[in-house]
Amino acid sequence: MIDIDKVASSISDLLLALGVERDSHTYDTPRRVAEAWAECLAGYDIDPVMHLDATFTGPSDPGLVLLSGIRLTSTCAHHLLPITGTATVAYRPRSGAPIVGLSKLARVLHGYARRLQVQEQIGYQVVEAIRQKLDPVGAACIITAGHGCISTRGVLEHGALTTTQAAVGEWVPGHADLQAILAEHAARSV
C-alpha cells in the first residue's frame, strides 16, 4: 500500500529542493502529486495474470483473437516520465481450449503498464501471462508509444515513436497470424 502522506512529504521536499515557491497554485501540489502517482503505479497492487483466470468454453476452431487500439499509459522506469501510445494484444487458442473475455486482454496490459516500466518489458509480460494461463498456439503484443524521456528532455524528439513486438508460441517472424496482427496494429496505432 502506498503511504500518501509520506509521498506528499517527499514531493514537498522535492519542490523545495528545486526552488519552487509555495503559493496558491502549489500549496496542495504535494498531495495531488502523491495521489496521481498512486494511480499511475496501481499495477503493483495486483497480479495482472489473475485477469486470465476467468475463462469460457471455446469453439472447436476459435481462430485468431485480436484486440487492437488499446490506449496505453505507463511510466518510464529510467526518468519517471510518461509513456503513452497504443497496443494490440492477440492470441490464437488451441482447438477446444478455453478463451477469455476480450476486456481481460486489456486489463492484463494495463496491470503491467501501471508500474515503472520499459516498453519492451510490458509486451513480454503480457505475452508470458497469456502463454502461462492459456497455452495458446501463439500470443503477441505490439506497442507503439511516445516517451516523455525522448520528447521533453535530452534529444527533444517531439513526435518520435517506438514500436516493440513480443511474441511467444509457434509464431515466428513471417507467420501469417503475426503478419495479420502487425497489419491491424499499424492501422490502429497512435
N, C-alpha and C. Protein backbone atom coordinates (compact mmCIF):
# COMPACT_ATOMS: atom_id res chain seq x y z
N MET A 1 0.84 -1.19 0.00
CA MET A 1 0.00 0.00 0.00
C MET A 1 0.88 1.25 0.00
N ILE A 2 0.42 2.23 -0.72
CA ILE A 2 1.15 3.49 -0.83
C ILE A 2 0.81 4.38 0.36
N ASP A 3 1.82 4.95 0.98
CA ASP A 3 1.65 5.89 2.08
C ASP A 3 1.56 7.30 1.48
N ILE A 4 0.33 7.76 1.22
CA ILE A 4 0.11 9.04 0.56
C ILE A 4 0.77 10.19 1.32
N ASP A 5 0.68 10.18 2.64
CA ASP A 5 1.27 11.27 3.43
C ASP A 5 2.79 11.30 3.27
N LYS A 6 3.41 10.14 3.27
CA LYS A 6 4.87 10.08 3.11
C LYS A 6 5.28 10.53 1.71
N VAL A 7 4.53 10.11 0.70
CA VAL A 7 4.82 10.54 -0.68
C VAL A 7 4.65 12.05 -0.79
N ALA A 8 3.56 12.59 -0.23
CA ALA A 8 3.31 14.03 -0.29
C ALA A 8 4.44 14.80 0.39
N SER A 9 4.92 14.30 1.52
CA SER A 9 6.03 14.96 2.21
C SER A 9 7.29 14.94 1.34
N SER A 10 7.53 13.83 0.66
CA SER A 10 8.70 13.73 -0.23
C SER A 10 8.58 14.69 -1.40
N ILE A 11 7.38 14.83 -1.94
CA ILE A 11 7.17 15.76 -3.06
C ILE A 11 7.37 17.19 -2.58
N SER A 12 6.92 17.49 -1.37
CA SER A 12 7.12 18.81 -0.79
C SER A 12 8.62 19.11 -0.69
N ASP A 13 9.39 18.13 -0.22
CA ASP A 13 10.85 18.27 -0.13
C ASP A 13 11.47 18.45 -1.51
N LEU A 14 10.98 17.70 -2.50
CA LEU A 14 11.49 17.82 -3.86
C LEU A 14 11.26 19.23 -4.41
N LEU A 15 10.05 19.74 -4.26
CA LEU A 15 9.74 21.07 -4.76
C LEU A 15 10.59 22.13 -4.07
N LEU A 16 10.79 21.98 -2.78
CA LEU A 16 11.64 22.90 -2.03
C LEU A 16 13.07 22.84 -2.55
N ALA A 17 13.59 21.63 -2.78
CA ALA A 17 14.96 21.45 -3.29
C ALA A 17 15.12 22.03 -4.70
N LEU A 18 14.03 22.02 -5.47
CA LEU A 18 14.07 22.58 -6.82
C LEU A 18 13.84 24.09 -6.83
N GLY A 19 13.59 24.68 -5.67
CA GLY A 19 13.39 26.13 -5.58
C GLY A 19 11.99 26.59 -5.97
N VAL A 20 11.02 25.69 -5.94
CA VAL A 20 9.65 26.05 -6.29
C VAL A 20 8.99 26.68 -5.06
N GLU A 21 8.52 27.90 -5.25
CA GLU A 21 7.86 28.59 -4.13
C GLU A 21 6.45 28.04 -3.93
N ARG A 22 6.07 27.99 -2.68
CA ARG A 22 4.71 27.55 -2.35
C ARG A 22 3.78 28.75 -2.45
N ASP A 23 2.76 28.62 -3.31
CA ASP A 23 1.77 29.69 -3.45
C ASP A 23 0.40 29.03 -3.59
N SER A 24 -0.59 29.80 -3.99
CA SER A 24 -1.95 29.25 -4.08
C SER A 24 -2.05 28.12 -5.10
N HIS A 25 -1.18 28.12 -6.10
CA HIS A 25 -1.21 27.06 -7.12
C HIS A 25 -0.49 25.80 -6.66
N THR A 26 0.53 25.95 -5.85
CA THR A 26 1.35 24.81 -5.48
C THR A 26 1.14 24.34 -4.04
N TYR A 27 0.29 25.01 -3.30
CA TYR A 27 0.08 24.66 -1.90
C TYR A 27 -0.34 23.20 -1.73
N ASP A 28 -1.32 22.74 -2.53
CA ASP A 28 -1.79 21.36 -2.43
C ASP A 28 -1.13 20.41 -3.44
N THR A 29 -0.12 20.91 -4.14
CA THR A 29 0.55 20.09 -5.16
C THR A 29 1.14 18.80 -4.59
N PRO A 30 1.80 18.82 -3.45
CA PRO A 30 2.37 17.56 -2.94
C PRO A 30 1.32 16.45 -2.78
N ARG A 31 0.16 16.76 -2.24
CA ARG A 31 -0.88 15.73 -2.08
C ARG A 31 -1.44 15.32 -3.44
N ARG A 32 -1.68 16.28 -4.33
CA ARG A 32 -2.20 15.94 -5.66
C ARG A 32 -1.23 15.04 -6.41
N VAL A 33 0.06 15.35 -6.32
CA VAL A 33 1.07 14.53 -6.98
C VAL A 33 1.12 13.14 -6.36
N ALA A 34 1.05 13.06 -5.05
CA ALA A 34 1.07 11.76 -4.37
C ALA A 34 -0.11 10.91 -4.83
N GLU A 35 -1.29 11.50 -4.92
CA GLU A 35 -2.47 10.75 -5.38
C GLU A 35 -2.35 10.36 -6.85
N ALA A 36 -1.77 11.24 -7.66
CA ALA A 36 -1.57 10.92 -9.08
C ALA A 36 -0.60 9.75 -9.23
N TRP A 37 0.50 9.76 -8.46
CA TRP A 37 1.47 8.67 -8.54
C TRP A 37 0.88 7.36 -8.04
N ALA A 38 0.04 7.44 -7.03
CA ALA A 38 -0.62 6.22 -6.55
C ALA A 38 -1.45 5.60 -7.67
N GLU A 39 -2.11 6.43 -8.46
CA GLU A 39 -2.90 5.93 -9.58
C GLU A 39 -2.00 5.39 -10.69
N CYS A 40 -0.93 6.13 -11.01
CA CYS A 40 -0.01 5.70 -12.08
C CYS A 40 0.69 4.39 -11.77
N LEU A 41 0.89 4.11 -10.50
CA LEU A 41 1.63 2.91 -10.10
C LEU A 41 0.73 1.86 -9.45
N ALA A 42 -0.55 1.90 -9.76
CA ALA A 42 -1.52 0.96 -9.17
C ALA A 42 -1.28 -0.49 -9.61
N GLY A 43 -0.47 -0.72 -10.63
CA GLY A 43 -0.20 -2.07 -11.10
C GLY A 43 0.58 -2.92 -10.13
N TYR A 44 1.22 -2.29 -9.15
CA TYR A 44 1.95 -3.06 -8.14
C TYR A 44 1.00 -3.72 -7.14
N ASP A 45 -0.23 -3.25 -7.08
CA ASP A 45 -1.19 -3.77 -6.12
C ASP A 45 -1.89 -5.05 -6.57
N ILE A 46 -1.67 -5.46 -7.81
CA ILE A 46 -2.36 -6.65 -8.34
C ILE A 46 -1.38 -7.53 -9.11
N ASP A 47 -1.78 -8.75 -9.35
CA ASP A 47 -1.06 -9.64 -10.26
C ASP A 47 -1.89 -9.66 -11.54
N PRO A 48 -1.43 -9.00 -12.60
CA PRO A 48 -2.23 -8.91 -13.82
C PRO A 48 -2.65 -10.25 -14.41
N VAL A 49 -1.91 -11.31 -14.13
CA VAL A 49 -2.24 -12.64 -14.64
C VAL A 49 -3.61 -13.10 -14.15
N MET A 50 -4.02 -12.62 -12.97
CA MET A 50 -5.30 -13.04 -12.40
C MET A 50 -6.48 -12.74 -13.32
N HIS A 51 -6.34 -11.75 -14.19
CA HIS A 51 -7.43 -11.41 -15.11
C HIS A 51 -7.72 -12.54 -16.09
N LEU A 52 -6.76 -13.44 -16.26
CA LEU A 52 -6.93 -14.55 -17.19
C LEU A 52 -7.47 -15.81 -16.52
N ASP A 53 -7.82 -15.70 -15.24
CA ASP A 53 -8.36 -16.86 -14.51
C ASP A 53 -9.78 -17.22 -14.93
N ALA A 54 -10.59 -16.24 -15.27
CA ALA A 54 -11.99 -16.49 -15.67
C ALA A 54 -12.01 -16.81 -17.16
N THR A 55 -12.29 -18.07 -17.49
CA THR A 55 -12.29 -18.49 -18.89
C THR A 55 -13.67 -19.00 -19.29
N PHE A 56 -13.84 -19.12 -20.61
CA PHE A 56 -15.08 -19.61 -21.18
C PHE A 56 -14.74 -20.77 -22.11
N THR A 57 -15.72 -21.62 -22.37
CA THR A 57 -15.53 -22.70 -23.32
C THR A 57 -15.36 -22.11 -24.71
N GLY A 58 -14.31 -22.53 -25.38
CA GLY A 58 -14.04 -22.02 -26.72
C GLY A 58 -14.59 -22.95 -27.79
N PRO A 59 -14.82 -22.41 -28.98
CA PRO A 59 -15.28 -23.26 -30.08
C PRO A 59 -14.16 -24.19 -30.55
N SER A 60 -14.51 -25.16 -31.38
CA SER A 60 -13.51 -26.12 -31.84
C SER A 60 -12.42 -25.44 -32.68
N ASP A 61 -12.76 -24.39 -33.39
CA ASP A 61 -11.75 -23.63 -34.14
C ASP A 61 -11.98 -22.14 -33.86
N PRO A 62 -11.40 -21.64 -32.76
CA PRO A 62 -11.68 -20.27 -32.35
C PRO A 62 -11.08 -19.19 -33.25
N GLY A 63 -10.08 -19.54 -34.03
CA GLY A 63 -9.44 -18.55 -34.88
C GLY A 63 -8.58 -17.58 -34.08
N LEU A 64 -8.16 -16.55 -34.76
CA LEU A 64 -7.29 -15.54 -34.16
C LEU A 64 -8.13 -14.58 -33.33
N VAL A 65 -7.70 -14.31 -32.10
CA VAL A 65 -8.36 -13.34 -31.22
C VAL A 65 -7.43 -12.13 -31.13
N LEU A 66 -7.93 -10.97 -31.53
CA LEU A 66 -7.09 -9.79 -31.64
C LEU A 66 -7.83 -8.57 -31.11
N LEU A 67 -7.22 -7.87 -30.16
CA LEU A 67 -7.78 -6.65 -29.61
C LEU A 67 -6.80 -5.52 -29.92
N SER A 68 -7.21 -4.59 -30.76
CA SER A 68 -6.30 -3.51 -31.15
C SER A 68 -6.84 -2.17 -30.70
N GLY A 69 -5.99 -1.16 -30.78
CA GLY A 69 -6.40 0.18 -30.39
C GLY A 69 -6.49 0.39 -28.89
N ILE A 70 -5.80 -0.44 -28.10
CA ILE A 70 -5.81 -0.30 -26.64
C ILE A 70 -4.92 0.90 -26.28
N ARG A 71 -5.49 1.87 -25.60
CA ARG A 71 -4.71 3.03 -25.17
C ARG A 71 -3.81 2.64 -24.00
N LEU A 72 -2.56 2.97 -24.10
CA LEU A 72 -1.56 2.57 -23.11
C LEU A 72 -0.98 3.82 -22.44
N THR A 73 -0.91 3.78 -21.13
CA THR A 73 -0.21 4.81 -20.36
C THR A 73 0.67 4.08 -19.36
N SER A 74 1.95 4.45 -19.34
CA SER A 74 2.88 3.86 -18.40
C SER A 74 3.84 4.94 -17.94
N THR A 75 4.82 4.54 -17.13
CA THR A 75 5.81 5.48 -16.61
C THR A 75 7.19 4.89 -16.82
N CYS A 76 8.06 5.67 -17.44
CA CYS A 76 9.43 5.24 -17.72
C CYS A 76 10.18 4.97 -16.42
N ALA A 77 10.74 3.78 -16.30
CA ALA A 77 11.48 3.38 -15.11
C ALA A 77 12.79 4.17 -14.96
N HIS A 78 13.28 4.75 -16.06
CA HIS A 78 14.55 5.45 -16.01
C HIS A 78 14.44 6.91 -15.63
N HIS A 79 13.34 7.58 -16.06
CA HIS A 79 13.22 9.03 -15.84
C HIS A 79 11.92 9.44 -15.16
N LEU A 80 11.04 8.49 -14.86
CA LEU A 80 9.73 8.77 -14.25
C LEU A 80 8.89 9.71 -15.12
N LEU A 81 9.02 9.58 -16.43
CA LEU A 81 8.25 10.38 -17.37
C LEU A 81 7.26 9.47 -18.08
N PRO A 82 6.20 10.05 -18.66
CA PRO A 82 5.14 9.22 -19.25
C PRO A 82 5.53 8.51 -20.54
N ILE A 83 4.93 7.34 -20.70
CA ILE A 83 4.96 6.58 -21.95
C ILE A 83 3.48 6.47 -22.35
N THR A 84 3.14 6.95 -23.53
CA THR A 84 1.75 6.88 -23.97
C THR A 84 1.69 6.38 -25.41
N GLY A 85 0.70 5.55 -25.68
CA GLY A 85 0.59 5.02 -27.02
C GLY A 85 -0.57 4.07 -27.18
N THR A 86 -0.39 3.15 -28.10
CA THR A 86 -1.43 2.20 -28.48
C THR A 86 -0.85 0.80 -28.51
N ALA A 87 -1.65 -0.16 -28.07
CA ALA A 87 -1.20 -1.55 -28.07
C ALA A 87 -2.21 -2.45 -28.77
N THR A 88 -1.70 -3.56 -29.27
CA THR A 88 -2.51 -4.64 -29.83
C THR A 88 -2.10 -5.91 -29.10
N VAL A 89 -3.08 -6.63 -28.60
CA VAL A 89 -2.82 -7.91 -27.93
C VAL A 89 -3.61 -8.97 -28.69
N ALA A 90 -2.95 -10.09 -29.00
CA ALA A 90 -3.62 -11.14 -29.77
C ALA A 90 -3.13 -12.52 -29.32
N TYR A 91 -4.00 -13.49 -29.52
CA TYR A 91 -3.60 -14.88 -29.28
C TYR A 91 -4.47 -15.79 -30.14
N ARG A 92 -3.97 -16.98 -30.42
CA ARG A 92 -4.75 -18.00 -31.12
C ARG A 92 -4.90 -19.18 -30.17
N PRO A 93 -6.12 -19.38 -29.65
CA PRO A 93 -6.35 -20.52 -28.75
C PRO A 93 -6.17 -21.84 -29.50
N ARG A 94 -5.76 -22.84 -28.80
CA ARG A 94 -5.70 -24.18 -29.38
C ARG A 94 -7.14 -24.68 -29.55
N SER A 95 -7.33 -25.60 -30.44
CA SER A 95 -8.66 -26.16 -30.70
C SER A 95 -9.28 -26.70 -29.42
N GLY A 96 -10.48 -26.21 -29.09
CA GLY A 96 -11.20 -26.66 -27.92
C GLY A 96 -10.71 -26.10 -26.60
N ALA A 97 -9.65 -25.28 -26.63
CA ALA A 97 -9.11 -24.71 -25.40
C ALA A 97 -10.00 -23.57 -24.91
N PRO A 98 -9.92 -23.26 -23.62
CA PRO A 98 -10.71 -22.15 -23.11
C PRO A 98 -10.25 -20.80 -23.68
N ILE A 99 -11.16 -19.84 -23.68
CA ILE A 99 -10.88 -18.49 -24.13
C ILE A 99 -11.19 -17.54 -22.97
N VAL A 100 -10.73 -16.29 -23.09
CA VAL A 100 -11.01 -15.28 -22.06
C VAL A 100 -11.82 -14.15 -22.68
N GLY A 101 -12.50 -13.40 -21.82
CA GLY A 101 -13.22 -12.22 -22.28
C GLY A 101 -12.23 -11.21 -22.85
N LEU A 102 -12.63 -10.52 -23.88
CA LEU A 102 -11.72 -9.59 -24.56
C LEU A 102 -11.20 -8.50 -23.63
N SER A 103 -12.03 -8.03 -22.71
CA SER A 103 -11.57 -6.97 -21.81
C SER A 103 -10.41 -7.43 -20.94
N LYS A 104 -10.31 -8.73 -20.74
CA LYS A 104 -9.23 -9.25 -19.89
C LYS A 104 -7.86 -9.04 -20.53
N LEU A 105 -7.81 -9.04 -21.86
CA LEU A 105 -6.54 -8.79 -22.54
C LEU A 105 -6.06 -7.37 -22.25
N ALA A 106 -7.00 -6.40 -22.31
CA ALA A 106 -6.65 -5.01 -21.99
C ALA A 106 -6.29 -4.87 -20.52
N ARG A 107 -6.99 -5.57 -19.64
CA ARG A 107 -6.71 -5.48 -18.20
C ARG A 107 -5.31 -6.01 -17.87
N VAL A 108 -4.90 -7.08 -18.53
CA VAL A 108 -3.54 -7.60 -18.31
C VAL A 108 -2.52 -6.55 -18.73
N LEU A 109 -2.71 -5.98 -19.91
CA LEU A 109 -1.80 -4.94 -20.40
C LEU A 109 -1.74 -3.77 -19.41
N HIS A 110 -2.89 -3.26 -18.99
CA HIS A 110 -2.91 -2.12 -18.07
C HIS A 110 -2.29 -2.46 -16.73
N GLY A 111 -2.48 -3.69 -16.27
CA GLY A 111 -1.89 -4.10 -15.00
C GLY A 111 -0.38 -4.01 -15.00
N TYR A 112 0.24 -4.41 -16.12
CA TYR A 112 1.69 -4.30 -16.22
C TYR A 112 2.13 -2.87 -16.53
N ALA A 113 1.34 -2.15 -17.31
CA ALA A 113 1.71 -0.78 -17.68
C ALA A 113 1.68 0.17 -16.49
N ARG A 114 0.84 -0.10 -15.50
CA ARG A 114 0.71 0.78 -14.34
C ARG A 114 1.80 0.49 -13.30
N ARG A 115 3.02 0.37 -13.82
CA ARG A 115 4.21 0.17 -12.99
C ARG A 115 5.32 0.99 -13.62
N LEU A 116 6.44 1.13 -12.95
CA LEU A 116 7.61 1.72 -13.60
C LEU A 116 8.08 0.70 -14.62
N GLN A 117 8.21 1.12 -15.88
CA GLN A 117 8.42 0.14 -16.95
C GLN A 117 9.37 0.63 -18.02
N VAL A 118 9.78 -0.31 -18.85
CA VAL A 118 10.33 -0.06 -20.18
C VAL A 118 9.37 -0.75 -21.14
N GLN A 119 9.19 -0.17 -22.30
CA GLN A 119 8.17 -0.64 -23.24
C GLN A 119 8.35 -2.11 -23.61
N GLU A 120 9.57 -2.53 -23.83
CA GLU A 120 9.82 -3.92 -24.22
C GLU A 120 9.33 -4.90 -23.16
N GLN A 121 9.48 -4.53 -21.91
CA GLN A 121 9.09 -5.40 -20.81
C GLN A 121 7.58 -5.58 -20.74
N ILE A 122 6.83 -4.52 -21.00
CA ILE A 122 5.36 -4.62 -20.95
C ILE A 122 4.88 -5.70 -21.91
N GLY A 123 5.32 -5.63 -23.17
CA GLY A 123 4.90 -6.62 -24.16
C GLY A 123 5.29 -8.03 -23.76
N TYR A 124 6.52 -8.20 -23.28
CA TYR A 124 6.98 -9.52 -22.85
C TYR A 124 6.11 -10.05 -21.71
N GLN A 125 5.81 -9.22 -20.73
CA GLN A 125 5.00 -9.66 -19.60
C GLN A 125 3.59 -10.07 -20.04
N VAL A 126 3.01 -9.31 -20.97
CA VAL A 126 1.66 -9.63 -21.45
C VAL A 126 1.63 -10.99 -22.14
N VAL A 127 2.56 -11.22 -23.07
CA VAL A 127 2.53 -12.50 -23.79
C VAL A 127 2.89 -13.67 -22.89
N GLU A 128 3.75 -13.45 -21.93
CA GLU A 128 4.09 -14.53 -21.00
C GLU A 128 2.89 -14.88 -20.12
N ALA A 129 2.11 -13.88 -19.71
CA ALA A 129 0.91 -14.15 -18.92
C ALA A 129 -0.08 -14.99 -19.73
N ILE A 130 -0.27 -14.62 -21.00
CA ILE A 130 -1.20 -15.36 -21.87
C ILE A 130 -0.68 -16.79 -22.10
N ARG A 131 0.62 -16.92 -22.35
CA ARG A 131 1.21 -18.25 -22.56
C ARG A 131 1.03 -19.11 -21.32
N GLN A 132 1.31 -18.53 -20.17
CA GLN A 132 1.25 -19.27 -18.91
C GLN A 132 -0.17 -19.74 -18.60
N LYS A 133 -1.17 -18.90 -18.80
CA LYS A 133 -2.53 -19.23 -18.39
C LYS A 133 -3.36 -19.93 -19.46
N LEU A 134 -3.09 -19.66 -20.74
CA LEU A 134 -3.97 -20.17 -21.79
C LEU A 134 -3.31 -21.18 -22.72
N ASP A 135 -1.99 -21.30 -22.69
CA ASP A 135 -1.24 -22.20 -23.56
C ASP A 135 -1.74 -22.12 -25.00
N PRO A 136 -1.70 -20.93 -25.59
CA PRO A 136 -2.21 -20.76 -26.96
C PRO A 136 -1.21 -21.27 -28.00
N VAL A 137 -1.67 -21.33 -29.24
CA VAL A 137 -0.78 -21.61 -30.36
C VAL A 137 0.29 -20.52 -30.41
N GLY A 138 -0.15 -19.28 -30.21
CA GLY A 138 0.75 -18.14 -30.17
C GLY A 138 0.09 -16.97 -29.49
N ALA A 139 0.90 -16.05 -29.01
CA ALA A 139 0.41 -14.81 -28.42
C ALA A 139 1.36 -13.70 -28.80
N ALA A 140 0.81 -12.50 -28.98
CA ALA A 140 1.64 -11.35 -29.37
C ALA A 140 1.12 -10.08 -28.72
N CYS A 141 2.04 -9.16 -28.49
CA CYS A 141 1.71 -7.82 -28.01
C CYS A 141 2.59 -6.84 -28.76
N ILE A 142 1.96 -5.95 -29.52
CA ILE A 142 2.67 -4.92 -30.26
C ILE A 142 2.31 -3.59 -29.62
N ILE A 143 3.30 -2.76 -29.33
CA ILE A 143 3.09 -1.47 -28.71
C ILE A 143 3.79 -0.39 -29.52
N THR A 144 3.07 0.69 -29.82
CA THR A 144 3.67 1.88 -30.42
C THR A 144 3.41 3.03 -29.46
N ALA A 145 4.49 3.67 -28.99
CA ALA A 145 4.31 4.69 -27.96
C ALA A 145 5.34 5.81 -28.09
N GLY A 146 4.94 6.95 -27.55
CA GLY A 146 5.85 8.08 -27.40
C GLY A 146 6.36 8.10 -25.98
N HIS A 147 7.58 8.55 -25.81
CA HIS A 147 8.23 8.55 -24.50
C HIS A 147 8.59 9.96 -24.09
N GLY A 148 8.13 10.35 -22.90
CA GLY A 148 8.46 11.67 -22.38
C GLY A 148 9.95 11.89 -22.24
N CYS A 149 10.70 10.82 -21.98
CA CYS A 149 12.14 10.96 -21.82
C CYS A 149 12.84 11.28 -23.14
N ILE A 150 12.16 11.08 -24.25
CA ILE A 150 12.71 11.43 -25.56
C ILE A 150 12.17 12.78 -26.03
N SER A 151 10.91 13.07 -25.70
CA SER A 151 10.30 14.30 -26.22
C SER A 151 10.46 15.53 -25.34
N THR A 152 10.62 15.36 -24.02
CA THR A 152 10.66 16.53 -23.14
C THR A 152 12.03 16.82 -22.56
N ARG A 153 13.01 15.99 -22.82
CA ARG A 153 14.36 16.21 -22.30
C ARG A 153 15.35 15.57 -23.28
N GLY A 154 16.60 15.73 -23.01
CA GLY A 154 17.62 15.07 -23.84
C GLY A 154 17.54 15.48 -25.30
N VAL A 155 17.24 14.54 -26.17
CA VAL A 155 17.25 14.80 -27.62
C VAL A 155 16.06 15.63 -28.10
N LEU A 156 15.03 15.79 -27.27
CA LEU A 156 13.86 16.61 -27.59
C LEU A 156 13.24 16.24 -28.94
N GLU A 157 13.02 14.97 -29.16
CA GLU A 157 12.42 14.48 -30.40
C GLU A 157 10.91 14.37 -30.23
N HIS A 158 10.22 15.49 -30.44
CA HIS A 158 8.76 15.53 -30.34
C HIS A 158 8.16 14.70 -31.48
N GLY A 159 7.25 13.83 -31.15
CA GLY A 159 6.60 13.01 -32.16
C GLY A 159 7.31 11.71 -32.49
N ALA A 160 8.48 11.48 -31.93
CA ALA A 160 9.18 10.22 -32.17
C ALA A 160 8.41 9.09 -31.49
N LEU A 161 8.26 7.98 -32.18
CA LEU A 161 7.52 6.83 -31.65
C LEU A 161 8.40 5.60 -31.66
N THR A 162 8.16 4.73 -30.70
CA THR A 162 8.87 3.46 -30.61
C THR A 162 7.85 2.34 -30.75
N THR A 163 8.14 1.37 -31.61
CA THR A 163 7.28 0.20 -31.75
C THR A 163 8.06 -1.02 -31.30
N THR A 164 7.44 -1.79 -30.42
CA THR A 164 8.04 -3.04 -29.96
C THR A 164 7.05 -4.16 -30.20
N GLN A 165 7.57 -5.34 -30.39
CA GLN A 165 6.69 -6.50 -30.55
C GLN A 165 7.26 -7.68 -29.78
N ALA A 166 6.37 -8.34 -29.08
CA ALA A 166 6.75 -9.55 -28.34
C ALA A 166 5.82 -10.66 -28.81
N ALA A 167 6.35 -11.83 -29.04
CA ALA A 167 5.54 -12.97 -29.48
C ALA A 167 6.09 -14.24 -28.86
N VAL A 168 5.17 -15.14 -28.51
CA VAL A 168 5.56 -16.44 -27.96
C VAL A 168 4.75 -17.53 -28.66
N GLY A 169 5.17 -18.75 -28.46
CA GLY A 169 4.46 -19.88 -29.05
C GLY A 169 5.03 -20.22 -30.41
N GLU A 170 4.17 -20.69 -31.28
CA GLU A 170 4.58 -21.16 -32.60
C GLU A 170 4.73 -20.03 -33.61
N TRP A 171 4.45 -18.80 -33.19
CA TRP A 171 4.54 -17.66 -34.10
C TRP A 171 5.99 -17.22 -34.25
N VAL A 172 6.51 -17.40 -35.41
CA VAL A 172 7.86 -16.95 -35.74
C VAL A 172 7.73 -15.81 -36.74
N PRO A 173 8.75 -14.98 -36.88
CA PRO A 173 8.65 -13.89 -37.85
C PRO A 173 8.20 -14.42 -39.22
N GLY A 174 7.25 -13.72 -39.80
CA GLY A 174 6.71 -14.13 -41.10
C GLY A 174 5.47 -14.99 -41.00
N HIS A 175 5.12 -15.50 -39.81
CA HIS A 175 3.92 -16.32 -39.64
C HIS A 175 2.70 -15.50 -40.04
N ALA A 176 1.75 -16.12 -40.72
CA ALA A 176 0.57 -15.41 -41.22
C ALA A 176 -0.21 -14.70 -40.11
N ASP A 177 -0.37 -15.34 -38.96
CA ASP A 177 -1.06 -14.69 -37.84
C ASP A 177 -0.33 -13.42 -37.42
N LEU A 178 0.98 -13.52 -37.28
CA LEU A 178 1.77 -12.39 -36.84
C LEU A 178 1.70 -11.25 -37.86
N GLN A 179 1.71 -11.59 -39.13
CA GLN A 179 1.58 -10.56 -40.18
C GLN A 179 0.23 -9.85 -40.09
N ALA A 180 -0.85 -10.61 -39.83
CA ALA A 180 -2.18 -10.02 -39.69
C ALA A 180 -2.24 -9.09 -38.48
N ILE A 181 -1.60 -9.49 -37.39
CA ILE A 181 -1.59 -8.68 -36.18
C ILE A 181 -0.82 -7.39 -36.42
N LEU A 182 0.32 -7.49 -37.05
CA LEU A 182 1.12 -6.29 -37.35
C LEU A 182 0.35 -5.33 -38.26
N ALA A 183 -0.35 -5.86 -39.24
CA ALA A 183 -1.13 -5.01 -40.16
C ALA A 183 -2.27 -4.30 -39.41
N GLU A 184 -2.96 -5.02 -38.55
CA GLU A 184 -4.04 -4.42 -37.77
C GLU A 184 -3.49 -3.36 -36.82
N HIS A 185 -2.37 -3.66 -36.19
CA HIS A 185 -1.78 -2.69 -35.27
C HIS A 185 -1.38 -1.42 -36.02
N ALA A 186 -0.77 -1.58 -37.18
CA ALA A 186 -0.35 -0.41 -37.96
C ALA A 186 -1.55 0.46 -38.34
N ALA A 187 -2.66 -0.17 -38.61
CA ALA A 187 -3.86 0.58 -38.99
C ALA A 187 -4.48 1.30 -37.80
N ARG A 188 -4.26 0.80 -36.58
CA ARG A 188 -4.93 1.36 -35.41
C ARG A 188 -4.00 2.06 -34.42
N SER A 189 -2.71 2.09 -34.67
CA SER A 189 -1.81 2.65 -33.66
C SER A 189 -1.76 4.17 -33.73
N VAL A 190 -1.34 4.73 -32.60
CA VAL A 190 -1.20 6.15 -32.34
C VAL A 190 -1.60 6.94 -33.52
